[in-house]
Structures are given as structure tokens and as C-alpha cells.
Amino acid sequence: MFRAAVRLSFSGVRSLTRTQPGCQALLASRCYSHGKQETEEEFDARWVTYFNKSDIDAWELRKGMNTLIGYDLVPEPKIVEAALRACRRLNDLASAIRILEAVKDKAGPHKDIYPYLLQELKPTLEELGIPTPEELGIDKV
């Protein structure tokens, strides 16, 4: 009986001294807050540069807008202007109107954001010949 108790205690000590897989230690040591924080100006410049690429295609335009709309913010007028100019380069009126609809939806309950964006974008919209959803009457559908 004593022999069985000693054998079980040694096997228990052996299991305690075994090394654990290394991946558990890596998971516990992740730190995400040490990265460089992007300023608002750098963020805006990055997206304006993205939409101002001369070789942007329709897929990249949609991918960029989908990513941008996914953020917890309403894009600045200069970013939306660059996206609308990209739509014009691609001759894609439907995407331009969809961008305006997405920005309006993103503004949500803040009723003063969308009119401000339209006010800032009015010269660009007139220059590019892009009607607003309100001018087309599709905002009431």
C-alpha cells in the first residue's frame, strides 16, 4: 500500500515538473497598446492618397469605401471628394451616388453632419456632374 502511494505521488510530481507548450506563454504576453497611433491628419492623408491613385480600379474603390465606412467615424469632406473624383475617373456614377448615401447613413441621427458635407462638396459635385440622392429623389424610397 505504501509503495502504491509513493508511486502515485512521484507521478504527480513528475506531471507538475513537465514543461507546458510554449504557445500558452506567447498568448499571455501580447500587448497591443505599444504601437504608433495615427493622427487624424495622417489618417485623412492616407485615404486621400488611396483614392487619388491614378490606377485605382472599381474593386479597389469599393474595397476602400467599405473599409472606410466600417470605421467608427464619418469621413472628412476631403476624403469623400477624393473618392468621388475616383468614381469620375472610373466613369461610375452609381458608386458616386452610393458613396453619398453611405456617408448620409453613417452620419446617423446627427442631422447637421450630412448637410455640412454636402455644403463642402457642392463645388466638387457640380464640377463632376454628380447629382445628390435628394436631387434624384431616391432618398425617399
Protein backbone atom coordinates (compact mmCIF):
# COMPACT_ATOMS: atom_id res chain seq x y z
CA MET A 1 0.00 0.00 0.00
CA PHE A 2 2.83 2.38 0.88
CA ARG A 3 4.52 1.53 -2.42
CA ALA A 4 1.37 2.46 -4.38
CA ALA A 5 1.06 5.79 -2.55
CA VAL A 6 4.71 6.67 -3.20
CA ARG A 7 4.42 5.73 -6.89
CA LEU A 8 1.32 7.92 -7.31
CA SER A 9 2.96 10.85 -5.56
CA PHE A 10 6.08 10.60 -7.78
CA SER A 11 3.95 10.51 -10.93
CA GLY A 12 2.05 13.56 -9.64
CA VAL A 13 5.32 15.45 -9.04
CA ARG A 14 6.57 14.46 -12.49
CA SER A 15 3.42 15.86 -14.13
CA LEU A 16 3.94 19.16 -12.29
CA THR A 17 7.53 19.48 -13.48
CA ARG A 18 6.77 18.84 -17.14
CA THR A 19 7.10 21.89 -19.35
CA GLN A 20 3.97 23.31 -20.84
CA PRO A 21 3.72 24.07 -24.57
CA GLY A 22 5.36 27.39 -25.50
CA CYS A 23 2.29 28.77 -27.23
CA GLN A 24 0.50 29.42 -23.95
CA ALA A 25 3.22 31.77 -22.80
CA LEU A 26 3.06 33.70 -26.08
CA LEU A 27 -0.67 34.23 -25.83
CA ALA A 28 -0.39 35.74 -22.38
CA SER A 29 2.30 38.24 -23.34
CA ARG A 30 0.58 40.11 -26.19
CA CYS A 31 0.48 43.87 -25.81
CA TYR A 32 -1.38 45.90 -28.42
CA SER A 33 -1.05 49.36 -26.98
CA HIS A 34 2.60 49.90 -27.80
CA GLY A 35 2.02 50.64 -31.50
CA LYS A 36 2.27 54.09 -33.04
CA GLN A 37 -1.03 55.95 -33.02
CA GLU A 38 -2.06 57.55 -36.32
CA THR A 39 -3.11 61.19 -36.11
CA GLU A 40 -6.26 62.47 -37.79
CA GLU A 41 -4.20 64.31 -40.42
CA GLU A 42 -2.21 61.17 -41.24
CA PHE A 43 -5.43 59.16 -41.45
CA ASP A 44 -7.00 61.69 -43.84
CA ALA A 45 -3.84 61.89 -45.95
CA ARG A 46 -3.64 58.10 -46.19
CA TRP A 47 -7.19 57.81 -47.51
CA VAL A 48 -6.89 60.78 -49.87
CA THR A 49 -3.73 59.22 -51.29
CA TYR A 50 -5.51 55.88 -51.63
CA PHE A 51 -8.40 57.33 -53.63
CA ASN A 52 -6.11 59.60 -55.69
CA LYS A 53 -4.18 56.65 -57.14
CA SER A 54 -4.26 57.01 -60.89
CA ASP A 55 -4.58 53.26 -61.46
CA ILE A 56 -7.37 52.59 -58.95
CA ASP A 57 -9.99 50.18 -60.27
CA ALA A 58 -13.64 49.68 -59.35
CA TRP A 59 -12.87 46.84 -56.93
CA GLU A 60 -10.27 48.90 -55.04
CA LEU A 61 -12.70 51.81 -54.87
CA ARG A 62 -15.45 49.65 -53.37
CA LYS A 63 -12.99 47.90 -51.03
CA GLY A 64 -11.64 51.25 -49.80
CA MET A 65 -15.10 52.69 -49.21
CA ASN A 66 -16.25 49.53 -47.44
CA THR A 67 -13.23 49.69 -45.13
CA LEU A 68 -13.65 53.42 -44.55
CA ILE A 69 -17.36 53.15 -43.78
CA GLY A 70 -16.56 50.31 -41.37
CA TYR A 71 -14.65 52.68 -39.11
CA ASP A 72 -16.42 54.44 -36.26
CA LEU A 73 -16.36 57.86 -37.93
CA VAL A 74 -17.86 59.93 -40.69
CA PRO A 75 -15.23 60.60 -43.39
CA GLU A 76 -13.94 64.12 -43.81
CA PRO A 77 -15.11 66.03 -46.91
CA LYS A 78 -11.64 65.85 -48.49
CA ILE A 79 -11.71 62.03 -48.31
CA VAL A 80 -15.20 61.88 -49.83
CA GLU A 81 -14.09 64.34 -52.51
CA ALA A 82 -11.13 62.12 -53.43
CA ALA A 83 -13.47 59.10 -53.59
CA LEU A 84 -15.92 60.98 -55.82
CA ARG A 85 -13.09 62.01 -58.13
CA ALA A 86 -12.03 58.36 -58.32
CA CYS A 87 -15.61 57.48 -59.30
CA ARG A 88 -15.45 60.10 -62.05
CA ARG A 89 -12.14 58.72 -63.35
CA LEU A 90 -13.80 55.29 -63.49
CA ASN A 91 -16.97 56.80 -65.03
CA ASP A 92 -19.00 55.13 -62.27
CA LEU A 93 -21.96 57.32 -61.35
CA ALA A 94 -23.68 54.57 -59.37
CA SER A 95 -20.73 54.24 -56.99
CA ALA A 96 -20.57 58.01 -56.53
CA ILE A 97 -24.23 58.15 -55.51
CA ARG A 98 -23.77 55.10 -53.28
CA ILE A 99 -20.87 56.87 -51.53
CA LEU A 100 -23.12 59.84 -50.79
CA GLU A 101 -25.83 57.50 -49.49
CA ALA A 102 -23.32 55.67 -47.30
CA VAL A 103 -22.00 58.91 -45.83
CA LYS A 104 -25.55 60.06 -45.11
CA ASP A 105 -26.29 56.74 -43.43
CA LYS A 106 -23.04 56.93 -41.47
CA ALA A 107 -23.98 60.36 -40.12
CA GLY A 108 -26.94 58.64 -38.48
CA PRO A 109 -29.01 60.70 -36.07
CA HIS A 110 -26.67 63.71 -36.28
CA LYS A 111 -28.73 65.82 -38.66
CA ASP A 112 -26.11 68.57 -39.07
CA ILE A 113 -23.27 66.39 -40.45
CA TYR A 114 -24.71 65.42 -43.85
CA PRO A 115 -25.79 68.97 -44.82
CA TYR A 116 -22.30 70.18 -43.83
CA LEU A 117 -20.71 67.53 -46.07
CA LEU A 118 -22.98 68.49 -48.96
CA GLN A 119 -22.12 72.15 -48.44
CA GLU A 120 -18.40 71.36 -48.55
CA LEU A 121 -18.78 69.01 -51.53
CA LYS A 122 -21.15 71.21 -53.57
CA PRO A 123 -18.43 72.69 -55.84
CA THR A 124 -16.97 69.24 -56.48
CA LEU A 125 -20.38 67.71 -57.17
CA GLU A 126 -21.18 70.48 -59.67
CA GLU A 127 -17.76 70.21 -61.31
CA LEU A 128 -18.05 66.43 -61.73
CA GLY A 129 -21.75 66.48 -62.63
CA ILE A 130 -22.77 64.16 -59.79
CA PRO A 131 -26.33 64.61 -58.51
CA THR A 132 -27.13 64.02 -54.86
CA PRO A 133 -29.59 61.30 -53.84
CA GLU A 134 -32.01 64.07 -52.85
CA GLU A 135 -31.85 65.61 -56.34
CA LEU A 136 -32.61 62.20 -57.85
CA GLY A 137 -35.47 61.62 -55.42
CA ILE A 138 -34.10 58.28 -54.21
CA ASP A 139 -33.73 59.44 -50.61
CA LYS A 140 -37.46 58.94 -50.03
CA VAL A 141 -37.57 55.28 -51.08
